[in-house]
Structures are given as C-alpha cells and as structure tokens.
Amino acid sequence: MKKFYLIDDDTIFVFLTRKTLQVANLSTDLTVFEDGKKALLDLELAANQPDLLPDVIFLDLNMPVLDGWGFLEEYSLLEPKLSKKIEIYIVSSSISPSELERSQNIPVVTDFLTKPLSRSKFVEIFDGAEV
C-alpha cells in the first residue's frame, strides 16, 4: 500500500482527494495535515523508519502556521536525514508563473500541479510512486 501525505487546509480539496482516490480504487494510506509544521514534525519522528514515511507528499502553498514555501525550506534541511526518497508535488489553485518558476528551482519538488487534480493524474502519480 502506498502512503500519501496531503498537506492542505482546504477541506473541500481534502474531501475531493479522498473521494477521487476511492473512486479510482487506489489502495492508499492517506494522512492529512492542515499545516506544514505538523507534517514536518511527523517526518522528523519517522525519519529512520522508511515504512512510516510517505511515498508522496501533496503540498499546498497557502496555509496557516507554516505555508508550503516554509515547509519546503525546512524539508530541504531534513531530507538528507530521511531513510527514503519522497516525491513532493506542489498542488495549488494558483497559476502564477512566478510560483511555478520558484518551484522549479527547488530540487526536492517533483512537479507543480494545479487544483483540482483529475483522477488520471492521481493514477499516474500512484503508478509512478516508489514503494
């Protein structure tokens, strides 16, 4: 079973993500965090336990406490200590070219995706995620 983290405070997107994964019949373990700080703490606690780490992180940019950009800064420092490679997808409602360009300059980011995500995109990511 593939493990996904969804770091997003948008309850509608969280609901749609759960439903889309269910309808697509993807066997996943989805953990939701409303801000980047909680997700980072979880990653730090599981750093040496690859079975507890996610395969994929879907990351929103605009959140309270610690936004997506702050998460990426702290994650970049934590990443060398993690016992597993994790794919990070920025998932944003923004179509700002500057945000897309900024994300492309962050080595830990796999891709920048615009909300909402289609079922086929979830399947593509699910099929490509390492376990």
C-alpha atoms as a PDB file:
ATOM      1  CA  MET A   1       0.000   0.000   0.000  1.00  0.00           C
ATOM      2  CA  LYS A   2       1.355   3.396  -0.961  1.00  0.00           C
ATOM      3  CA  LYS A   3       1.458   6.110   1.641  1.00  0.00           C
ATOM      4  CA  PHE A   4       0.459   9.676   0.781  1.00  0.00           C
ATOM      5  CA  TYR A   5       0.591  12.875   2.828  1.00  0.00           C
ATOM      6  CA  LEU A   6      -1.779  15.672   1.915  1.00  0.00           C
ATOM      7  CA  ILE A   7      -0.664  18.951   3.470  1.00  0.00           C
ATOM      8  CA  ASP A   8      -3.564  21.297   2.816  1.00  0.00           C
ATOM      9  CA  ASP A   9      -6.041  23.294   4.910  1.00  0.00           C
ATOM     10  CA  ASP A  10      -8.720  23.343   2.184  1.00  0.00           C
ATOM     11  CA  THR A  11     -11.388  20.937   3.465  1.00  0.00           C
ATOM     12  CA  ILE A  12     -13.081  20.746   0.059  1.00  0.00           C
ATOM     13  CA  PHE A  13      -9.866  19.717  -1.696  1.00  0.00           C
ATOM     14  CA  VAL A  14      -9.146  17.184   1.068  1.00  0.00           C
ATOM     15  CA  PHE A  15     -12.642  15.709   0.634  1.00  0.00           C
ATOM     16  CA  LEU A  16     -12.286  15.605  -3.170  1.00  0.00           C
ATOM     17  CA  THR A  17      -8.862  13.972  -2.901  1.00  0.00           C
ATOM     18  CA  ARG A  18     -10.211  11.221  -0.620  1.00  0.00           C
ATOM     19  CA  LYS A  19     -13.173  10.634  -2.942  1.00  0.00           C
ATOM     20  CA  THR A  20     -11.030  10.597  -6.080  1.00  0.00           C
ATOM     21  CA  LEU A  21      -8.626   8.057  -4.589  1.00  0.00           C
ATOM     22  CA  GLN A  22     -11.590   5.928  -3.529  1.00  0.00           C
ATOM     23  CA  VAL A  23     -13.361   6.128  -6.911  1.00  0.00           C
ATOM     24  CA  ALA A  24     -10.102   5.372  -8.723  1.00  0.00           C
ATOM     25  CA  ASN A  25      -9.825   2.281  -6.499  1.00  0.00           C
ATOM     26  CA  LEU A  26      -6.310   3.196  -5.412  1.00  0.00           C
ATOM     27  CA  SER A  27      -5.167   1.373  -2.315  1.00  0.00           C
ATOM     28  CA  THR A  28      -3.564   4.182  -0.353  1.00  0.00           C
ATOM     29  CA  ASP A  29      -2.844   5.255   3.176  1.00  0.00           C
ATOM     30  CA  LEU A  30      -3.680   8.979   3.150  1.00  0.00           C
ATOM     31  CA  THR A  31      -2.650  11.180   6.074  1.00  0.00           C
ATOM     32  CA  VAL A  32      -3.860  14.780   6.094  1.00  0.00           C
ATOM     33  CA  PHE A  33      -2.127  17.715   7.775  1.00  0.00           C
ATOM     34  CA  GLU A  34      -3.654  21.210   7.913  1.00  0.00           C
ATOM     35  CA  ASP A  35      -0.271  22.920   8.062  1.00  0.00           C
ATOM     36  CA  GLY A  36       3.341  22.225   7.178  1.00  0.00           C
ATOM     37  CA  LYS A  37       4.611  22.327  10.775  1.00  0.00           C
ATOM     38  CA  LYS A  38       2.624  19.246  11.838  1.00  0.00           C
ATOM     39  CA  ALA A  39       3.765  17.337   8.763  1.00  0.00           C
ATOM     40  CA  LEU A  40       7.423  18.208   9.391  1.00  0.00           C
ATOM     41  CA  LEU A  41       7.174  17.012  12.977  1.00  0.00           C
ATOM     42  CA  ASP A  42       5.721  13.712  11.764  1.00  0.00           C
ATOM     43  CA  LEU A  43       8.501  13.333   9.176  1.00  0.00           C
ATOM     44  CA  GLU A  44      11.179  14.053  11.791  1.00  0.00           C
ATOM     45  CA  LEU A  45       9.757  11.415  14.137  1.00  0.00           C
ATOM     46  CA  ALA A  46       9.692   8.800  11.356  1.00  0.00           C
ATOM     47  CA  ALA A  47      12.975   9.808   9.661  1.00  0.00           C
ATOM     48  CA  ASN A  48      14.715   6.469  10.319  1.00  0.00           C
ATOM     49  CA  GLN A  49      11.666   4.304   9.675  1.00  0.00           C
ATOM     50  CA  PRO A  50      11.036   4.053   5.919  1.00  0.00           C
ATOM     51  CA  ASP A  51       7.783   2.111   6.407  1.00  0.00           C
ATOM     52  CA  LEU A  52       6.302   5.084   8.275  1.00  0.00           C
ATOM     53  CA  LEU A  53       7.382   7.699   5.732  1.00  0.00           C
ATOM     54  CA  PRO A  54       5.130   8.642   2.827  1.00  0.00           C
ATOM     55  CA  ASP A  55       5.898   7.792  -0.780  1.00  0.00           C
ATOM     56  CA  VAL A  56       4.311  11.028  -2.000  1.00  0.00           C
ATOM     57  CA  ILE A  57       3.504  14.410  -0.481  1.00  0.00           C
ATOM     58  CA  PHE A  58       0.859  16.692  -1.977  1.00  0.00           C
ATOM     59  CA  LEU A  59       1.670  20.183  -0.704  1.00  0.00           C
ATOM     60  CA  ASP A  60      -0.470  23.305  -0.794  1.00  0.00           C
ATOM     61  CA  LEU A  61       1.331  26.658  -0.751  1.00  0.00           C
ATOM     62  CA  ASN A  62      -1.112  28.859   1.172  1.00  0.00           C
ATOM     63  CA  MET A  63      -1.739  27.585   4.699  1.00  0.00           C
ATOM     64  CA  PRO A  64      -1.634  28.905   8.250  1.00  0.00           C
ATOM     65  CA  VAL A  65       1.217  28.311  10.721  1.00  0.00           C
ATOM     66  CA  LEU A  66       3.803  27.137   8.152  1.00  0.00           C
ATOM     67  CA  ASP A  67       2.981  27.612   4.485  1.00  0.00           C
ATOM     68  CA  GLY A  68       4.197  25.444   1.619  1.00  0.00           C
ATOM     69  CA  TRP A  69       7.279  27.555   0.903  1.00  0.00           C
ATOM     70  CA  GLY A  70       8.322  27.409   4.566  1.00  0.00           C
ATOM     71  CA  PHE A  71       7.711  23.665   4.580  1.00  0.00           C
ATOM     72  CA  LEU A  72       9.964  23.230   1.543  1.00  0.00           C
ATOM     73  CA  GLU A  73      12.763  25.235   3.175  1.00  0.00           C
ATOM     74  CA  GLU A  74      12.664  23.115   6.334  1.00  0.00           C
ATOM     75  CA  TYR A  75      12.116  19.872   4.390  1.00  0.00           C
ATOM     76  CA  SER A  76      15.229  20.565   2.297  1.00  0.00           C
ATOM     77  CA  LEU A  77      17.263  20.540   5.527  1.00  0.00           C
ATOM     78  CA  LEU A  78      15.542  17.392   6.808  1.00  0.00           C
ATOM     79  CA  GLU A  79      15.600  15.441   3.526  1.00  0.00           C
ATOM     80  CA  PRO A  80      19.202  14.117   3.810  1.00  0.00           C
ATOM     81  CA  LYS A  81      18.269  12.520   7.157  1.00  0.00           C
ATOM     82  CA  LEU A  82      15.236  10.667   5.766  1.00  0.00           C
ATOM     83  CA  SER A  83      15.629   6.949   5.144  1.00  0.00           C
ATOM     84  CA  LYS A  84      13.518   7.098   1.994  1.00  0.00           C
ATOM     85  CA  LYS A  85      13.121   9.280  -1.101  1.00  0.00           C
ATOM     86  CA  ILE A  86       9.779  11.096  -1.110  1.00  0.00           C
ATOM     87  CA  GLU A  87       8.176  12.701  -4.153  1.00  0.00           C
ATOM     88  CA  ILE A  88       6.739  16.163  -3.434  1.00  0.00           C
ATOM     89  CA  TYR A  89       4.038  17.633  -5.630  1.00  0.00           C
ATOM     90  CA  ILE A  90       3.017  21.222  -5.070  1.00  0.00           C
ATOM     91  CA  VAL A  91      -0.750  21.293  -5.540  1.00  0.00           C
ATOM     92  CA  SER A  92      -2.045  24.837  -5.783  1.00  0.00           C
ATOM     93  CA  SER A  93      -5.014  26.771  -7.090  1.00  0.00           C
ATOM     94  CA  SER A  94      -2.524  29.433  -8.172  1.00  0.00           C
ATOM     95  CA  ILE A  95      -1.487  29.630 -11.792  1.00  0.00           C
ATOM     96  CA  SER A  96       1.147  32.249 -11.072  1.00  0.00           C
ATOM     97  CA  PRO A  97       4.151  31.897 -13.407  1.00  0.00           C
ATOM     98  CA  SER A  98       6.414  33.214 -10.631  1.00  0.00           C
ATOM     99  CA  GLU A  99       5.299  30.456  -8.242  1.00  0.00           C
ATOM    100  CA  LEU A 100       5.814  27.826 -10.933  1.00  0.00           C
ATOM    101  CA  GLU A 101       9.282  29.201 -11.680  1.00  0.00           C
ATOM    102  CA  ARG A 102      10.146  29.372  -7.981  1.00  0.00           C
ATOM    103  CA  SER A 103       9.086  25.745  -7.500  1.00  0.00           C
ATOM    104  CA  GLN A 104      11.278  24.619 -10.406  1.00  0.00           C
ATOM    105  CA  ASN A 105      14.317  25.971  -8.556  1.00  0.00           C
ATOM    106  CA  ILE A 106      13.711  23.775  -5.508  1.00  0.00           C
ATOM    107  CA  PRO A 107      15.401  20.385  -6.006  1.00  0.00           C
ATOM    108  CA  VAL A 108      13.057  18.424  -3.689  1.00  0.00           C
ATOM    109  CA  VAL A 109       9.952  19.382  -5.727  1.00  0.00           C
ATOM    110  CA  THR A 110       8.877  16.732  -8.232  1.00  0.00           C
ATOM    111  CA  ASP A 111       6.234  18.813 -10.007  1.00  0.00           C
ATOM    112  CA  PHE A 112       3.820  21.759  -9.714  1.00  0.00           C
ATOM    113  CA  LEU A 113       0.183  20.778 -10.256  1.00  0.00           C
ATOM    114  CA  THR A 114      -2.886  22.982 -10.475  1.00  0.00           C
ATOM    115  CA  LYS A 115      -6.021  22.147  -8.484  1.00  0.00           C
ATOM    116  CA  PRO A 116      -8.230  20.306  -8.957  1.00  0.00           C
ATOM    117  CA  LEU A 117      -6.389  17.122  -9.894  1.00  0.00           C
ATOM    118  CA  SER A 118      -8.002  14.666 -12.266  1.00  0.00           C
ATOM    119  CA  ARG A 119      -8.431  11.004 -11.458  1.00  0.00           C
ATOM    120  CA  SER A 120      -5.981  10.166 -14.254  1.00  0.00           C
ATOM    121  CA  LYS A 121      -3.328  12.403 -12.641  1.00  0.00           C
ATOM    122  CA  PHE A 122      -3.759  10.594  -9.312  1.00  0.00           C
ATOM    123  CA  VAL A 123      -3.458   7.232 -11.075  1.00  0.00           C
ATOM    124  CA  GLU A 124      -0.334   8.407 -12.931  1.00  0.00           C
ATOM    125  CA  ILE A 125       1.301   9.551  -9.682  1.00  0.00           C
ATOM    126  CA  PHE A 126       0.173   6.428  -7.840  1.00  0.00           C
ATOM    127  CA  ASP A 127       1.582   4.147 -10.534  1.00  0.00           C
ATOM    128  CA  GLY A 128       4.880   6.058 -10.594  1.00  0.00           C
ATOM    129  CA  ALA A 129       5.420   6.313  -6.823  1.00  0.00           C
ATOM    130  CA  GLU A 130       8.164   4.171  -5.385  1.00  0.00           C
ATOM    131  CA  VAL A 131       7.392   1.786  -2.561  1.00  0.00           C
END
